[in-house]
Amino acid sequence: MGRQTISTFKVRDSIAIITIDNPPQNMLPDPVFIDPELIKRCFADDKIKGIVIAGKGRHFSAGADMERLRFLALDENRFMARLRDGKELLDSIEALPIPSIAAIEGACFGGGLEIALACHIRVCARNAILAFPEVNHGLMPGMGGTVRLPGFIGYGKALEAVLSGDIIGAERALEIGLADHLAPAKETLDFSLQLMKKMVADRPIEVIRSIVHSLNNSRTMAASEAMEEETRMFCRLAGKLNG
């Protein structure tokens, strides 16, 4: 029951590229799809200014490998621990002080969609399809999907999407706020890298981290606390203008 990470990690032009590499559908055999130490590196390495997550080939990720899931579920306690590890991984991606983009081609289902929701921005190919199909297997999202989804599309649409298991096309995803950009098929990674470069290429890492950290605070702190922290970071940056 050893952990099976199935992603690659490389850095290009100050951007970390994580590729879910389990073709053809990039199924997830384990909730921890990449070594958490690589995400920690993105917190600590000032040379990394952003992260793009993509799938190898035609699909982002079609979600959990059901055969593997059934096997893991035989030991409920260990399965719960593994799911907690997966949630912690996605929480750490969401909390990154640098921007993250999910470059979505093809199918983005279940656990794959939960990975995408943990990213700050979602770029969908025009042929991308997104869904939480767990209900069709007598299940529900298990790594934060029901918690994050309403924040993007509202409670009612989230309830409908999860209980119906219906597939959402790319244009509909953009319309309801599930996607932020559309790109031509097979070009989402290039589009995402160009978008990331536009945001971070000429920006000092401290400015990037301060802005992303402040925006993250808006979701995790009371408004008064987030504003106080924003002011503190602004003053710290301003104090360096004369240095």
Protein backbone atom coordinates (compact mmCIF):
# COMPACT_ATOMS: atom_id res chain seq x y z
CA MET A 1 0.00 0.00 0.00
CA GLY A 2 2.91 2.32 -0.64
CA ARG A 3 2.23 5.77 -1.95
CA GLN A 4 2.17 6.07 -5.72
CA THR A 5 3.04 9.56 -6.87
CA ILE A 6 2.56 9.83 -10.62
CA SER A 7 3.65 13.37 -11.44
CA THR A 8 6.80 14.98 -12.79
CA PHE A 9 8.28 18.31 -11.69
CA LYS A 10 10.53 20.68 -13.57
CA VAL A 11 11.32 24.39 -13.49
CA ARG A 12 11.43 26.47 -16.68
CA ASP A 13 11.98 30.24 -16.72
CA SER A 14 11.20 30.54 -12.99
CA ILE A 15 7.94 28.59 -13.41
CA ALA A 16 7.47 25.15 -11.87
CA ILE A 17 5.60 22.76 -14.19
CA ILE A 18 3.88 19.81 -12.54
CA THR A 19 2.66 17.18 -15.01
CA ILE A 20 0.22 14.44 -13.97
CA ASP A 21 1.82 11.56 -15.84
CA ASN A 22 -0.34 8.44 -15.87
CA PRO A 23 -1.70 8.24 -19.42
CA PRO A 24 -3.98 7.77 -21.18
CA GLN A 25 -6.44 9.31 -18.68
CA ASN A 26 -4.00 10.31 -15.94
CA MET A 27 -5.98 8.45 -13.31
CA LEU A 28 -4.96 9.04 -9.70
CA PRO A 29 -3.93 5.85 -7.88
CA ASP A 30 -3.41 7.77 -4.65
CA PRO A 31 -4.70 11.05 -3.15
CA VAL A 32 -1.09 12.27 -2.92
CA PHE A 33 -0.36 12.72 -6.62
CA ILE A 34 3.05 14.40 -6.15
CA ASP A 35 5.74 14.40 -3.49
CA PRO A 36 4.69 17.10 -0.96
CA GLU A 37 8.35 18.07 -0.58
CA LEU A 38 8.23 19.51 -4.10
CA ILE A 39 5.38 21.82 -3.08
CA LYS A 40 7.34 22.82 0.02
CA ARG A 41 10.22 23.69 -2.30
CA CYS A 42 7.93 26.19 -4.03
CA PHE A 43 7.32 27.87 -0.67
CA ALA A 44 11.04 28.13 0.05
CA ASP A 45 12.72 28.70 -3.33
CA ASP A 46 12.74 32.40 -4.24
CA LYS A 47 13.67 31.50 -7.82
CA ILE A 48 10.26 29.89 -8.40
CA LYS A 49 7.67 32.56 -9.18
CA GLY A 50 4.66 30.45 -10.21
CA ILE A 51 3.32 26.93 -10.75
CA VAL A 52 1.43 25.40 -13.66
CA ILE A 53 -0.23 21.99 -13.26
CA ALA A 54 -1.12 20.05 -16.42
CA GLY A 55 -1.85 16.50 -17.51
CA LYS A 56 0.29 14.54 -19.93
CA GLY A 57 -1.36 13.98 -23.29
CA ARG A 58 -5.06 14.39 -23.99
CA HIS A 59 -6.45 14.71 -20.45
CA PHE A 60 -5.82 16.66 -17.27
CA SER A 61 -7.00 13.82 -15.02
CA ALA A 62 -10.08 11.60 -15.10
CA GLY A 63 -9.94 11.25 -11.32
CA ALA A 64 -9.43 8.33 -8.97
CA ASP A 65 -8.47 4.88 -10.18
CA MET A 66 -11.61 3.09 -8.91
CA GLU A 67 -9.97 -0.33 -8.63
CA ARG A 68 -7.17 1.16 -6.53
CA LEU A 69 -9.70 3.15 -4.47
CA ARG A 70 -11.65 0.01 -3.62
CA PHE A 71 -8.43 -1.64 -2.49
CA LEU A 72 -7.41 1.29 -0.31
CA ALA A 73 -10.90 1.47 1.20
CA LEU A 74 -10.51 -2.05 2.63
CA ASP A 75 -8.53 -0.46 5.48
CA GLU A 76 -10.72 2.46 6.54
CA ASN A 77 -8.28 3.97 9.03
CA ARG A 78 -5.35 3.98 6.63
CA PHE A 79 -7.60 5.22 3.84
CA MET A 80 -8.76 8.13 6.03
CA ALA A 81 -5.13 8.97 6.78
CA ARG A 82 -4.27 8.88 3.07
CA LEU A 83 -7.20 11.16 2.23
CA ARG A 84 -6.08 13.61 4.93
CA ASP A 85 -2.62 13.62 3.35
CA GLY A 86 -4.21 14.34 -0.02
CA LYS A 87 -6.27 17.19 1.43
CA GLU A 88 -3.17 18.65 3.09
CA LEU A 89 -1.39 18.55 -0.27
CA LEU A 90 -4.22 20.42 -1.99
CA ASP A 91 -4.44 22.88 0.91
CA SER A 92 -0.72 23.58 0.51
CA ILE A 93 -1.19 24.25 -3.23
CA GLU A 94 -4.09 26.60 -2.48
CA ALA A 95 -2.02 28.40 0.18
CA LEU A 96 1.05 28.89 -2.03
CA PRO A 97 2.36 32.48 -1.89
CA ILE A 98 2.96 32.35 -5.64
CA PRO A 99 0.28 32.03 -8.35
CA SER A 100 -0.82 28.61 -9.57
CA ILE A 101 -2.61 27.72 -12.79
CA ALA A 102 -4.37 24.50 -13.78
CA ALA A 103 -3.96 23.94 -17.55
CA ILE A 104 -6.93 21.69 -18.33
CA GLU A 105 -7.15 19.58 -21.47
CA GLY A 106 -9.79 16.92 -22.03
CA ALA A 107 -11.29 15.24 -18.98
CA CYS A 108 -11.02 16.88 -15.56
CA PHE A 109 -13.11 14.66 -13.30
CA GLY A 110 -13.36 13.92 -9.60
CA GLY A 111 -9.98 14.15 -7.93
CA GLY A 112 -8.62 15.86 -11.03
CA LEU A 113 -11.17 18.64 -10.65
CA GLU A 114 -10.30 18.89 -6.95
CA ILE A 115 -6.67 19.50 -7.93
CA ALA A 116 -7.80 22.19 -10.39
CA LEU A 117 -9.99 23.87 -7.76
CA ALA A 118 -6.99 24.15 -5.44
CA CYS A 119 -5.19 26.24 -8.07
CA HIS A 120 -5.66 30.01 -8.21
CA ILE A 121 -6.54 30.11 -11.93
CA ARG A 122 -8.07 27.53 -14.30
CA VAL A 123 -7.38 27.61 -18.05
CA CYS A 124 -9.58 25.22 -20.03
CA ALA A 125 -9.13 23.95 -23.54
CA ARG A 126 -12.28 24.51 -25.57
CA ASN A 127 -12.78 20.74 -25.66
CA ALA A 128 -12.31 20.31 -21.89
CA ILE A 129 -15.01 18.63 -19.84
CA LEU A 130 -15.32 18.92 -16.08
CA ALA A 131 -17.41 16.92 -13.60
CA PHE A 132 -17.74 15.38 -10.19
CA PRO A 133 -19.05 11.94 -11.26
CA GLU A 134 -18.59 10.31 -7.84
CA VAL A 135 -22.35 10.17 -7.21
CA ASN A 136 -22.65 7.68 -10.10
CA HIS A 137 -20.46 5.30 -8.07
CA GLY A 138 -22.31 5.84 -4.79
CA LEU A 139 -19.64 8.27 -3.61
CA MET A 140 -18.99 11.99 -3.20
CA PRO A 141 -15.92 14.21 -3.60
CA GLY A 142 -13.48 13.41 -0.82
CA MET A 143 -10.64 15.96 -1.02
CA GLY A 144 -12.33 19.30 -0.61
CA GLY A 145 -14.48 19.38 -3.74
CA THR A 146 -17.76 20.13 -1.95
CA VAL A 147 -16.03 22.80 0.14
CA ARG A 148 -14.22 24.67 -2.65
CA LEU A 149 -16.78 24.40 -5.47
CA PRO A 150 -19.48 26.70 -3.96
CA GLY A 151 -16.90 29.48 -3.65
CA PHE A 152 -16.54 29.49 -7.44
CA ILE A 153 -20.05 28.82 -8.75
CA GLY A 154 -22.37 29.36 -5.77
CA TYR A 155 -24.16 26.88 -3.52
CA GLY A 156 -27.06 26.05 -5.83
CA LYS A 157 -24.98 25.33 -8.92
CA ALA A 158 -22.50 23.36 -6.81
CA LEU A 159 -25.27 21.23 -5.32
CA GLU A 160 -26.67 20.54 -8.78
CA ALA A 161 -23.25 19.70 -10.24
CA VAL A 162 -22.28 17.26 -7.48
CA LEU A 163 -25.65 15.53 -7.09
CA SER A 164 -26.26 15.19 -10.84
CA GLY A 165 -22.72 14.24 -11.77
CA ASP A 166 -23.36 16.07 -15.06
CA ILE A 167 -20.48 16.99 -17.35
CA ILE A 168 -19.77 20.71 -17.68
CA GLY A 169 -18.29 21.86 -20.98
CA ALA A 170 -15.54 24.48 -21.16
CA GLU A 171 -17.75 27.34 -22.34
CA ARG A 172 -20.30 26.65 -19.59
CA ALA A 173 -17.45 26.43 -17.07
CA LEU A 174 -16.30 29.89 -18.13
CA GLU A 175 -19.85 31.23 -17.95
CA ILE A 176 -20.45 30.07 -14.37
CA GLY A 177 -17.00 30.93 -13.02
CA LEU A 178 -15.50 27.46 -12.88
CA ALA A 179 -12.94 28.42 -15.57
CA ASP A 180 -11.07 31.70 -15.90
CA HIS A 181 -9.81 31.42 -19.49
CA LEU A 182 -10.42 29.32 -22.60
CA ALA A 183 -7.62 28.24 -24.91
CA PRO A 184 -7.46 26.25 -28.15
CA ALA A 185 -7.22 22.47 -27.71
CA LYS A 186 -3.66 21.23 -27.21
CA GLU A 187 -2.51 24.78 -26.40
CA THR A 188 -3.55 25.18 -22.76
CA LEU A 189 -0.06 24.60 -21.37
CA ASP A 190 1.51 27.21 -23.67
CA PHE A 191 -1.35 29.62 -22.95
CA SER A 192 -0.94 29.06 -19.20
CA LEU A 193 2.82 29.56 -19.31
CA GLN A 194 2.40 32.80 -21.24
CA LEU A 195 -0.24 33.98 -18.79
CA MET A 196 2.04 33.15 -15.87
CA LYS A 197 4.99 34.94 -17.48
CA LYS A 198 2.80 38.02 -18.00
CA MET A 199 2.01 38.04 -14.27
CA VAL A 200 5.40 37.26 -12.77
CA ALA A 201 8.30 37.57 -15.22
CA ASP A 202 9.40 41.11 -14.33
CA ARG A 203 8.07 41.18 -10.77
CA PRO A 204 10.29 40.88 -7.68
CA ILE A 205 9.52 37.70 -5.78
CA GLU A 206 8.71 39.62 -2.60
CA VAL A 207 6.05 41.63 -4.41
CA ILE A 208 4.55 38.46 -5.93
CA ARG A 209 4.49 36.68 -2.60
CA SER A 210 2.98 39.69 -0.80
CA ILE A 211 0.17 40.11 -3.34
CA VAL A 212 -0.73 36.40 -3.44
CA HIS A 213 -0.47 36.10 0.34
CA SER A 214 -2.80 39.07 0.79
CA LEU A 215 -5.34 37.67 -1.67
CA ASN A 216 -5.18 34.31 0.11
CA ASN A 217 -5.81 36.11 3.40
CA SER A 218 -9.09 37.41 1.99
CA ARG A 219 -10.37 33.82 2.02
CA THR A 220 -8.97 32.70 5.35
CA MET A 221 -9.07 35.76 7.65
CA ALA A 222 -11.71 38.14 8.90
CA ALA A 223 -11.80 41.23 6.64
CA SER A 224 -10.37 43.51 9.34
CA GLU A 225 -7.42 41.17 9.94
CA ALA A 226 -6.77 40.74 6.20
CA MET A 227 -6.78 44.51 5.70
CA GLU A 228 -4.40 45.04 8.60
CA GLU A 229 -2.04 42.46 7.13
CA GLU A 230 -2.32 44.09 3.70
CA THR A 231 -1.30 47.44 5.20
CA ARG A 232 1.63 45.85 6.99
CA MET A 233 2.91 44.25 3.78
CA PHE A 234 2.41 47.47 1.80
CA CYS A 235 4.45 49.43 4.34
CA ARG A 236 7.21 46.82 4.29
CA LEU A 237 7.46 47.03 0.50
CA ALA A 238 7.27 50.83 0.52
CA GLY A 239 10.06 50.98 3.07
CA LYS A 240 12.37 49.37 0.53
CA LEU A 241 11.71 51.89 -2.25
CA ASN A 242 14.39 54.21 -0.87
CA GLY A 243 16.84 51.42 -0.18
